[in-house]
Amino acid sequence: CRRFAASLVKSGFEGPLVFEWDRLWFGDLEPPEKILPGAAKSLFGWIAEAMVTRGTGSAAAASTRR
């Protein structure tokens, strides 16, 4: 997922990045309240890293964009 997020940034993609939690299909997964905050933090962090590498912004600014 990290490489995919970085490739989106490097390509100039500015659309939404969606993370799905298929709990409906896999009932034994943790509830979304436990998983999604950490997943969002990881996604924003990966995007921020890629933006800094690409030279399009600071990691701090990128990690707060929603």
Protein backbone atom coordinates (compact mmCIF):
# COMPACT_ATOMS: atom_id res chain seq x y z
CA CYS A 1 0.00 0.00 0.00
CA ARG A 2 2.87 2.37 0.76
CA ARG A 3 4.31 2.03 -2.76
CA PHE A 4 0.87 2.46 -4.29
CA ALA A 5 0.21 5.67 -2.33
CA ALA A 6 3.65 6.98 -3.32
CA SER A 7 3.04 6.18 -6.98
CA LEU A 8 -0.21 8.16 -6.87
CA VAL A 9 1.62 11.18 -5.47
CA LYS A 10 4.46 10.87 -7.96
CA SER A 11 1.99 10.69 -10.86
CA GLY A 12 0.31 13.91 -9.74
CA PHE A 13 -2.98 12.22 -8.83
CA GLU A 14 -5.15 14.56 -6.77
CA GLY A 15 -8.30 12.50 -6.41
CA PRO A 16 -9.55 10.64 -3.34
CA LEU A 17 -7.80 7.59 -1.94
CA VAL A 18 -10.33 5.23 -0.37
CA PHE A 19 -9.66 2.55 2.24
CA GLU A 20 -12.36 -0.09 2.70
CA TRP A 21 -12.91 -2.26 5.74
CA ASP A 22 -14.93 -5.27 4.57
CA ARG A 23 -16.30 -6.26 7.93
CA LEU A 24 -19.66 -7.07 6.38
CA TRP A 25 -18.06 -9.89 4.38
CA PHE A 26 -15.61 -11.01 7.06
CA GLY A 27 -17.51 -10.90 10.34
CA ASP A 28 -14.51 -11.83 12.49
CA LEU A 29 -12.61 -8.60 11.66
CA GLU A 30 -12.14 -5.93 14.29
CA PRO A 31 -14.70 -3.12 14.30
CA PRO A 32 -13.83 -0.13 12.09
CA GLU A 33 -13.43 2.19 15.08
CA LYS A 34 -10.38 0.17 16.10
CA ILE A 35 -8.79 -0.12 12.65
CA LEU A 36 -9.63 2.91 10.52
CA PRO A 37 -7.90 5.61 12.62
CA GLY A 38 -4.57 3.78 12.36
CA ALA A 39 -5.11 3.00 8.69
CA ALA A 40 -5.83 6.68 7.97
CA LYS A 41 -2.71 7.72 9.89
CA SER A 42 -0.61 5.30 7.83
CA LEU A 43 -2.09 6.44 4.51
CA PHE A 44 -1.59 10.14 5.31
CA GLY A 45 1.95 9.41 6.48
CA TRP A 46 2.83 7.55 3.28
CA ILE A 47 1.38 10.36 1.17
CA ALA A 48 3.32 12.95 3.18
CA GLU A 49 6.58 11.02 2.72
CA ALA A 50 6.02 10.80 -1.02
CA MET A 51 5.18 14.50 -1.24
CA VAL A 52 8.42 15.44 0.51
CA THR A 53 10.38 13.10 -1.76
CA ARG A 54 8.66 14.62 -4.79
CA GLY A 55 9.28 18.13 -3.48
CA THR A 56 5.62 19.16 -3.39
CA GLY A 57 5.30 20.07 0.26
CA SER A 58 6.32 19.41 3.80
CA ALA A 59 5.44 16.21 5.60
CA ALA A 60 3.64 18.14 8.33
CA ALA A 61 1.40 19.98 5.86
CA ALA A 62 0.68 16.88 3.81
CA SER A 63 -0.25 14.77 6.83
CA THR A 64 -2.99 17.22 7.81
CA ARG A 65 -4.66 17.39 4.39
CA ARG A 66 -7.98 15.59 4.16
